[in-house]
Amino acid sequence: MFLLLAVLSGDGFAYFVGGATVLAFLTEDHARFLAAFMFESEQQMDDVVAESGILEQVNAETETYGVTIPGFNMRGGLMGIFTTDIPVTRMSDLEGVRLRAQNGEQIKFFESWGAKGTVVSFADVPNALQTGVAQGYFNPPSSAIKARHTDILKNFVPLDAMPVAA
């Protein structure tokens, strides 16, 4: 679970994206955020958050620090494809596009789309995108923001895909 943190400063609000572990420093009962959450959909998670009052509880604790949490998103949101210079409007647009893969299984997955996978360690992703070794990746929308790849990646197409347990 990622959090969008709104921190009130003298000049207004500053926004940061962070993991749930940041709440360990801001709330007394932070263990509730470290459990493995499994929801069938973003709507189900939104319903649980709305009905439980957890957001109000958290904000009551974090306001002491000048921090407001506008909302939670599930694992960074549903997954899609980011690309550097290739707009993708249909799956056939991925033909031959080099997507960053985590492993050989993901390469096979991308090949089933007509794309080419290339294994790149997470630390090397910015360089791979800048040099063309990779032309994009498959991740939730918050990934590019959290990893600060937004200057490199110019396109995003939501696939509304989510990881599934095998």
Protein backbone atom coordinates (compact mmCIF):
# COMPACT_ATOMS: atom_id res chain seq x y z
CA MET A 1 0.00 0.00 0.00
CA PHE A 2 1.32 3.42 -0.92
CA LEU A 3 0.30 6.65 0.73
CA LEU A 4 0.06 10.13 -0.68
CA LEU A 5 1.16 12.35 2.18
CA ALA A 6 0.13 15.99 2.27
CA VAL A 7 2.45 17.91 4.57
CA LEU A 8 1.38 21.41 5.59
CA SER A 9 4.27 23.83 5.53
CA GLY A 10 4.43 27.60 5.83
CA ASP A 11 3.98 27.98 2.07
CA GLY A 12 1.09 25.55 1.70
CA PHE A 13 0.98 21.79 1.06
CA ALA A 14 3.82 19.63 -0.18
CA TYR A 15 2.98 16.16 -1.45
CA PHE A 16 5.04 13.01 -1.11
CA VAL A 17 4.46 9.37 -2.00
CA GLY A 18 5.55 6.90 0.65
CA GLY A 19 5.07 3.39 1.88
CA ALA A 20 2.84 2.44 4.76
CA THR A 21 5.90 2.06 7.00
CA VAL A 22 6.11 5.85 7.27
CA LEU A 23 3.09 5.61 9.57
CA ALA A 24 5.29 3.83 12.11
CA PHE A 25 6.68 7.24 12.95
CA LEU A 26 3.36 9.08 12.92
CA THR A 27 0.81 6.78 14.58
CA GLU A 28 0.67 4.73 17.75
CA ASP A 29 -0.99 1.65 16.27
CA HIS A 30 0.96 1.44 13.01
CA ALA A 31 0.96 -2.38 12.86
CA ARG A 32 -2.48 -2.29 11.22
CA PHE A 33 -0.80 -0.95 8.06
CA LEU A 34 1.90 -3.58 7.88
CA ALA A 35 -0.42 -6.57 7.43
CA ALA A 36 -0.71 -8.13 3.99
CA PHE A 37 -3.87 -6.63 2.49
CA MET A 38 -5.65 -8.64 -0.17
CA PHE A 39 -8.65 -7.16 -1.93
CA GLU A 40 -10.44 -8.37 -5.02
CA SER A 41 -10.59 -4.89 -6.51
CA GLU A 42 -9.75 -1.26 -5.85
CA GLN A 43 -13.47 -0.67 -5.27
CA GLN A 44 -13.50 -3.26 -2.47
CA MET A 45 -10.52 -1.58 -0.81
CA ASP A 46 -12.14 1.86 -1.20
CA ASP A 47 -15.33 0.51 0.40
CA VAL A 48 -13.41 -0.97 3.35
CA VAL A 49 -11.53 2.29 3.92
CA ALA A 50 -14.75 4.34 3.70
CA GLU A 51 -16.77 2.06 5.97
CA SER A 52 -14.06 1.49 8.60
CA GLY A 53 -13.25 5.14 9.31
CA ILE A 54 -9.55 4.26 9.26
CA LEU A 55 -8.58 7.35 7.26
CA GLU A 56 -10.17 9.63 9.86
CA GLN A 57 -8.43 7.69 12.66
CA VAL A 58 -5.04 7.99 10.97
CA ASN A 59 -5.45 11.69 10.24
CA ALA A 60 -6.44 12.35 13.86
CA GLU A 61 -3.04 10.91 14.85
CA THR A 62 -0.92 12.44 12.08
CA GLU A 63 -2.29 16.00 12.25
CA THR A 64 -0.02 16.60 15.25
CA TYR A 65 2.88 16.39 12.80
CA GLY A 66 1.23 18.58 10.15
CA VAL A 67 0.60 15.54 7.94
CA THR A 68 -2.70 14.77 6.23
CA ILE A 69 -3.23 11.55 4.30
CA PRO A 70 -5.81 12.24 1.55
CA GLY A 71 -6.22 8.54 0.75
CA PHE A 72 -4.76 5.09 0.23
CA ASN A 73 -4.20 3.33 -3.03
CA MET A 74 -3.92 -0.40 -3.50
CA ARG A 75 -0.34 -1.45 -4.27
CA GLY A 76 0.12 1.67 -6.34
CA GLY A 77 -3.01 1.17 -8.42
CA LEU A 78 -3.85 -1.21 -11.21
CA MET A 79 -0.98 -1.86 -13.58
CA GLY A 80 -0.34 -0.43 -17.01
CA ILE A 81 2.44 0.22 -19.51
CA PHE A 82 4.81 3.18 -19.35
CA THR A 83 6.88 4.05 -22.42
CA THR A 84 9.54 6.62 -23.19
CA ASP A 85 8.65 7.63 -26.73
CA ILE A 86 6.08 5.17 -28.07
CA PRO A 87 2.41 5.96 -27.50
CA VAL A 88 0.48 2.74 -26.97
CA THR A 89 -3.20 2.76 -27.91
CA ARG A 90 -3.58 -0.93 -28.78
CA MET A 91 -1.63 -4.06 -27.99
CA SER A 92 -0.22 -4.20 -31.53
CA ASP A 93 1.65 -0.94 -30.75
CA LEU A 94 3.88 -3.00 -28.45
CA GLU A 95 5.30 -5.02 -31.37
CA GLY A 96 9.09 -5.01 -30.87
CA VAL A 97 9.04 -2.54 -27.93
CA ARG A 98 11.69 -3.38 -25.34
CA LEU A 99 10.04 -3.53 -21.90
CA ARG A 100 12.05 -3.81 -18.70
CA ALA A 101 11.52 -7.26 -17.21
CA GLN A 102 12.33 -8.52 -13.73
CA ASN A 103 13.06 -12.06 -14.87
CA GLY A 104 12.73 -14.61 -17.66
CA GLU A 105 9.10 -15.33 -16.82
CA GLN A 106 8.21 -11.70 -17.41
CA ILE A 107 10.09 -11.77 -20.72
CA LYS A 108 7.83 -14.64 -21.86
CA PHE A 109 4.80 -12.65 -20.70
CA PHE A 110 5.87 -9.59 -22.72
CA GLU A 111 6.66 -11.72 -25.76
CA SER A 112 3.06 -12.97 -25.68
CA TRP A 113 2.09 -9.32 -26.31
CA GLY A 114 4.56 -9.01 -29.20
CA ALA A 115 6.97 -6.92 -27.12
CA LYS A 116 10.57 -7.77 -26.32
CA GLY A 117 11.58 -8.12 -22.70
CA THR A 118 14.97 -7.18 -21.35
CA VAL A 119 16.02 -8.00 -17.79
CA VAL A 120 17.15 -4.84 -16.01
CA SER A 121 17.80 -4.49 -12.28
CA PHE A 122 15.69 -1.84 -10.56
CA ALA A 123 18.76 0.31 -9.86
CA ASP A 124 19.62 0.36 -13.57
CA VAL A 125 16.14 1.26 -14.88
CA PRO A 126 16.76 5.03 -15.35
CA ASN A 127 19.93 4.40 -17.37
CA ALA A 128 18.25 1.64 -19.40
CA LEU A 129 15.35 3.97 -20.25
CA GLN A 130 17.66 6.88 -21.14
CA THR A 131 19.89 4.80 -23.40
CA GLY A 132 17.12 2.81 -25.08
CA VAL A 133 18.11 -0.55 -23.60
CA ALA A 134 14.50 -0.52 -22.35
CA GLN A 135 11.73 1.60 -23.84
CA GLY A 136 9.27 1.17 -20.99
CA TYR A 137 7.90 -1.03 -18.24
CA PHE A 138 4.77 -2.65 -16.81
CA ASN A 139 3.92 -1.27 -13.36
CA PRO A 140 1.29 0.54 -11.29
CA PRO A 141 0.91 4.27 -12.03
CA SER A 142 2.59 5.32 -8.79
CA SER A 143 5.82 3.50 -9.73
CA ALA A 144 7.10 6.21 -12.05
CA ILE A 145 6.37 8.89 -9.46
CA LYS A 146 7.91 6.98 -6.57
CA ALA A 147 11.01 6.03 -8.59
CA ARG A 148 11.25 9.54 -10.10
CA HIS A 149 11.09 8.29 -13.69
CA THR A 150 8.55 10.89 -14.82
CA ASP A 151 11.15 12.95 -16.70
CA ILE A 152 12.04 9.89 -18.79
CA LEU A 153 8.67 8.19 -19.28
CA LYS A 154 6.28 10.17 -21.46
CA ASN A 155 3.37 7.76 -21.97
CA PHE A 156 1.17 5.61 -19.76
CA VAL A 157 -1.70 3.35 -20.79
CA PRO A 158 -3.74 1.75 -18.01
CA LEU A 159 -4.39 -1.94 -18.53
CA ASP A 160 -6.39 -2.30 -15.30
CA ALA A 161 -4.27 -5.36 -14.57
CA MET A 162 -3.38 -6.54 -11.13
CA PRO A 163 -0.95 -9.12 -9.81
CA VAL A 164 -2.54 -12.43 -8.92
CA ALA A 165 -1.37 -15.13 -6.55
CA ALA A 166 -0.45 -18.41 -8.24
